[in-house]
Protein backbone atom coordinates (compact mmCIF):
# COMPACT_ATOMS: atom_id res chain seq x y z
CA UNK A 1 19.00 10.53 -10.98
CA UNK A 2 16.57 11.41 -13.76
CA UNK A 3 19.01 9.98 -16.30
CA UNK A 4 19.04 6.22 -16.04
CA UNK A 5 22.42 4.76 -15.06
CA UNK A 6 22.02 1.70 -17.30
CA UNK A 7 19.53 -0.87 -18.64
CA UNK A 8 19.80 -3.07 -15.55
CA UNK A 9 19.00 -0.24 -13.10
CA UNK A 10 15.41 -0.06 -11.82
CA UNK A 11 13.70 2.16 -9.25
CA UNK A 12 11.00 0.64 -7.04
CA UNK A 13 10.14 3.87 -5.19
CA UNK A 14 9.74 7.27 -6.79
CA UNK A 15 11.95 10.30 -6.26
CA UNK A 16 10.76 13.38 -4.35
CA UNK A 17 9.24 14.82 -7.50
CA UNK A 18 6.90 11.82 -7.79
CA UNK A 19 4.88 13.54 -5.07
CA UNK A 20 3.37 15.86 -7.64
CA UNK A 21 1.78 13.06 -9.62
CA UNK A 22 0.63 11.20 -6.51
CA UNK A 23 -0.84 14.40 -5.04
CA UNK A 24 -3.07 14.78 -8.09
CA UNK A 25 -4.77 11.46 -7.36
CA UNK A 26 -6.11 12.97 -4.14
CA UNK A 27 -6.60 16.56 -5.24
CA UNK A 28 -8.61 15.62 -8.31
CA UNK A 29 -11.04 13.71 -6.10
CA UNK A 30 -11.25 16.37 -3.39
CA UNK A 31 -11.68 19.71 -5.16
CA UNK A 32 -15.44 19.42 -5.66
CA UNK A 33 -15.43 21.30 -8.95
CA UNK A 34 -13.61 24.29 -7.49
CA UNK A 35 -10.05 25.40 -8.39
CA UNK A 36 -7.12 23.72 -6.67
CA UNK A 37 -4.63 26.09 -5.06
CA UNK A 38 -0.95 25.21 -5.37
CA UNK A 39 1.44 27.00 -3.02
CA UNK A 40 5.22 26.60 -2.79
CA UNK A 41 8.13 28.35 -1.09
CA UNK A 42 10.29 28.84 -4.22
CA UNK A 43 12.94 26.29 -3.20
CA UNK A 44 13.97 23.90 -5.96
CA UNK A 45 12.49 20.99 -4.01
CA UNK A 46 9.09 22.63 -3.60
CA UNK A 47 9.00 24.33 -7.00
CA UNK A 48 9.62 21.02 -8.78
CA UNK A 49 6.84 19.22 -6.92
CA UNK A 50 4.42 22.12 -7.37
CA UNK A 51 5.20 22.29 -11.09
CA UNK A 52 4.45 18.60 -11.58
CA UNK A 53 1.21 18.95 -9.66
CA UNK A 54 0.09 21.94 -11.71
CA UNK A 55 0.91 20.26 -15.03
CA UNK A 56 -0.96 17.08 -14.10
CA UNK A 57 -4.02 19.00 -12.90
CA UNK A 58 -4.10 21.04 -16.11
CA UNK A 59 -4.01 17.82 -18.12
CA UNK A 60 -7.16 16.83 -16.25
CA UNK A 61 -8.73 20.20 -17.12
CA UNK A 62 -8.88 21.19 -13.43
CA UNK A 63 -8.58 24.91 -12.79
CA UNK A 64 -5.65 25.91 -10.58
CA UNK A 65 -4.63 28.89 -8.47
CA UNK A 66 -0.87 29.31 -8.05
CA UNK A 67 0.90 31.24 -5.32
CA UNK A 68 4.36 31.46 -3.82
CA UNK A 69 5.57 32.41 -0.36
CA UNK A 70 8.87 33.49 1.16
CA UNK A 71 10.25 30.89 3.56
CA UNK A 72 10.48 32.31 7.06
CA UNK A 73 7.39 34.53 6.86
CA UNK A 74 4.86 34.11 9.66
CA UNK A 75 1.90 36.07 8.30
CA UNK A 76 0.07 35.17 5.11
CA UNK A 77 -2.99 37.43 4.94
CA UNK A 78 -2.82 38.05 1.17
CA UNK A 79 -2.21 34.37 0.46
CA UNK A 80 -5.17 33.30 2.62
CA UNK A 81 -7.48 35.69 0.81
CA UNK A 82 -6.40 34.16 -2.49
CA UNK A 83 -6.78 30.46 -1.57
CA UNK A 84 -9.40 30.22 1.20
CA UNK A 85 -12.27 29.52 -1.21
CA UNK A 86 -10.42 26.90 -3.26
CA UNK A 87 -11.66 23.32 -3.45
CA UNK A 88 -8.35 22.01 -2.09
CA UNK A 89 -4.89 23.37 -1.33
CA UNK A 90 -1.58 21.67 -2.05
CA UNK A 91 1.42 23.09 -0.19
CA UNK A 92 4.97 22.16 -1.19
CA UNK A 93 7.38 23.42 1.41
CA UNK A 94 8.37 22.97 5.03
CA UNK A 95 6.73 22.56 8.46
CA UNK A 96 6.80 26.07 9.93
CA UNK A 97 5.25 27.76 6.92
CA UNK A 98 2.67 24.98 6.55
CA UNK A 99 1.62 25.44 10.17
CA UNK A 100 1.18 29.19 9.91
CA UNK A 101 -0.78 28.86 6.68
CA UNK A 102 -3.25 26.28 8.00
CA UNK A 103 -3.74 28.28 11.22
CA UNK A 104 -4.63 31.39 9.23
CA UNK A 105 -6.89 29.39 6.90
CA UNK A 106 -8.88 28.08 9.83
CA UNK A 107 -8.98 31.50 11.49
CA UNK A 108 -10.49 32.90 8.28
CA UNK A 109 -13.32 30.39 8.54
CA UNK A 110 -12.08 28.26 5.64
CA UNK A 111 -12.31 24.49 5.97
CA UNK A 112 -10.56 23.81 2.66
CA UNK A 113 -8.60 20.53 2.85
CA UNK A 114 -4.85 21.10 2.80
CA UNK A 115 -2.43 18.50 1.45
CA UNK A 116 1.29 19.01 2.08
CA UNK A 117 4.50 17.55 0.72
CA UNK A 118 6.37 14.85 2.64
CA UNK A 119 8.72 17.38 4.22
CA UNK A 120 5.89 18.67 6.44
CA UNK A 121 5.29 15.31 8.13
CA UNK A 122 7.78 15.83 10.96
CA UNK A 123 7.96 15.86 14.76
CA UNK A 124 8.71 19.57 14.50
CA UNK A 125 5.38 20.22 12.80
CA UNK A 126 3.19 18.35 15.28
CA UNK A 127 5.08 19.76 18.27
CA UNK A 128 4.89 23.37 17.06
CA UNK A 129 1.30 23.27 15.78
CA UNK A 130 -0.54 20.69 17.92
CA UNK A 131 -3.84 22.55 17.50
CA UNK A 132 -3.90 22.08 13.70
CA UNK A 133 -1.59 19.11 13.12
CA UNK A 134 -4.52 16.72 12.69
CA UNK A 135 -6.09 18.99 10.06
CA UNK A 136 -3.29 18.60 7.52
CA UNK A 137 -2.92 15.70 5.09
CA UNK A 138 0.68 14.81 4.27
CA UNK A 139 2.15 12.70 1.50
CA UNK A 140 4.51 10.08 2.88
CA UNK A 141 6.56 7.38 1.17
CA UNK A 142 4.49 4.35 0.25
CA UNK A 143 5.65 1.15 1.95
CA UNK A 144 3.17 -1.32 0.55
CA UNK A 145 3.57 -5.05 1.03
CA UNK A 146 4.10 -5.37 -2.70
CA UNK A 147 6.89 -2.82 -2.72
CA UNK A 148 8.61 -4.26 0.34
CA UNK A 149 8.40 -7.81 -0.98
CA UNK A 150 9.72 -6.73 -4.36
CA UNK A 151 12.63 -4.92 -2.78
CA UNK A 152 13.48 -7.98 -0.73
CA UNK A 153 13.42 -10.11 -3.85
CA UNK A 154 15.68 -7.69 -5.70
CA UNK A 155 18.23 -7.74 -2.87
CA UNK A 156 18.24 -11.54 -2.77
CA UNK A 157 18.70 -11.70 -6.52
CA UNK A 158 21.65 -9.36 -6.34
CA UNK A 159 23.23 -11.34 -3.52
CA UNK A 160 22.90 -14.57 -5.46
CA UNK A 161 24.46 -13.06 -8.54
CA UNK A 162 27.42 -11.82 -6.53
CA UNK A 163 27.68 -15.21 -4.85
CA UNK A 164 27.92 -16.80 -8.27
CA UNK A 165 30.75 -14.41 -9.19
CA UNK A 166 29.21 -13.43 -12.49
CA UNK A 167 26.65 -11.03 -13.88
CA UNK A 168 24.51 -10.62 -16.99
CA UNK A 169 27.37 -9.30 -19.09
CA UNK A 170 29.77 -12.11 -18.26
CA UNK A 171 27.26 -14.94 -18.42
CA UNK A 172 23.77 -14.08 -19.65
CA UNK A 173 22.58 -17.68 -19.58
CA UNK A 174 23.71 -18.14 -15.99
CA UNK A 175 22.11 -14.87 -14.96
CA UNK A 176 18.80 -15.95 -16.51
CA UNK A 177 18.83 -19.21 -14.58
CA UNK A 178 19.56 -17.42 -11.30
CA UNK A 179 16.82 -14.87 -11.87
CA UNK A 180 14.22 -17.47 -12.79
CA UNK A 181 15.10 -19.65 -9.84
CA UNK A 182 15.03 -16.82 -7.29
CA UNK A 183 11.83 -15.30 -8.60
CA UNK A 184 10.08 -18.66 -8.74
CA UNK A 185 10.93 -19.38 -5.12
CA UNK A 186 9.83 -15.94 -3.92
CA UNK A 187 6.76 -15.78 -6.18
CA UNK A 188 7.57 -12.44 -7.77
CA UNK A 189 8.23 -11.29 -11.27
CA UNK A 190 9.96 -8.06 -12.25
CA UNK A 191 9.13 -7.02 -15.80
CA UNK A 192 11.04 -4.26 -17.53
CA UNK A 193 9.34 -2.67 -20.52
CA UNK A 194 10.89 -4.03 -23.68
CA UNK A 195 12.85 -6.68 -21.76
CA UNK A 196 10.16 -9.32 -21.10
CA UNK A 197 11.90 -11.90 -23.26
CA UNK A 198 15.46 -11.08 -22.27
CA UNK A 199 15.43 -13.07 -19.08
CA UNK A 200 12.78 -15.65 -20.01
CA UNK A 201 10.68 -15.19 -16.86
CA UNK A 202 8.25 -18.01 -15.99
CA UNK A 203 4.63 -17.14 -16.78
CA UNK A 204 3.00 -18.70 -13.70
CA UNK A 205 4.26 -16.32 -11.01
CA UNK A 206 1.86 -14.33 -8.89
CA UNK A 207 2.18 -10.65 -9.83
CA UNK A 208 3.95 -8.22 -12.11
CA UNK A 209 5.69 -4.94 -11.53
CA UNK A 210 5.98 -2.96 -14.73
CA UNK A 211 8.67 -0.35 -15.35
CA UNK A 212 8.65 2.55 -17.75
CA UNK A 213 11.39 3.22 -20.29
CA UNK A 214 13.51 5.06 -17.70
CA UNK A 215 13.43 2.15 -15.25
CA UNK A 216 10.88 3.58 -12.81
CA UNK A 217 8.30 1.17 -11.37
CA UNK A 218 4.70 1.91 -12.26
CA UNK A 219 3.63 1.96 -8.62
CA UNK A 220 2.31 4.68 -6.35
CA UNK A 221 5.27 6.14 -4.47
CA UNK A 222 3.48 8.29 -1.90
CA UNK A 223 0.34 7.74 0.12
CA UNK A 224 -2.01 10.06 1.98
CA UNK A 225 -1.48 10.26 5.76
CA UNK A 226 -2.68 12.34 8.69
CA UNK A 227 -1.43 12.77 12.27
CA UNK A 228 -3.74 10.92 14.66
CA UNK A 229 -2.27 12.35 17.85
CA UNK A 230 0.42 9.71 18.12
CA UNK A 231 1.62 8.66 14.64
CA UNK A 232 1.16 9.48 10.98
CA UNK A 233 -1.40 6.99 9.70
CA UNK A 234 -2.80 6.25 6.27
CA UNK A 235 -5.93 8.32 5.76
CA UNK A 236 -8.28 8.29 2.77
CA UNK A 237 -10.48 11.18 3.88
CA UNK A 238 -9.55 13.26 0.83
CA UNK A 239 -10.80 10.64 -1.60
């Protein structure tokens, strides 16, 4: 879905590959002047996220160490030797490999913080590696009040447009009235870059959500979490 489907299509939550950019917010604050190690399992999912992370860290002039693993391996001695002295480790991959890696890191005496992609935050991970589950930070989809409220507003807008049996192409003036009315009542404003004047939004509403040229909202998509023994909870310890 990288190619936008049309000018009226907007994304409120980022795709999987948005994890790379969100990971950098934490890694850049956690590395303590040391290199950041980026490890992935060579799958397209993990490679894409790791590549985004590496590019964003390099833009910030942060030194990186890159390494790959083979999914299914259970011993990572060479990898541990390479990354144990890093300032932080970002792992893009899946639960079993993440568990084995963090166990070997701790056994080596390394306390380097390890941040993992969303795919690691599973019941499988905490059940298989209960002794280290609370030592791994995991990116999970952001469900902020702003995002939830904005999504609710968007759904209501869509329902009203369908109820009126017309859309922006058939009746632009009618669409503008519906949008203004719905947004005014729900106290939200959606602003698309380059489209501020198209719909004539009121100026006295409470907050904005800006979108880039491809229709993606300029909001954090993933937040930092850690297993607390019962649930994955928001955790800012890496900051």
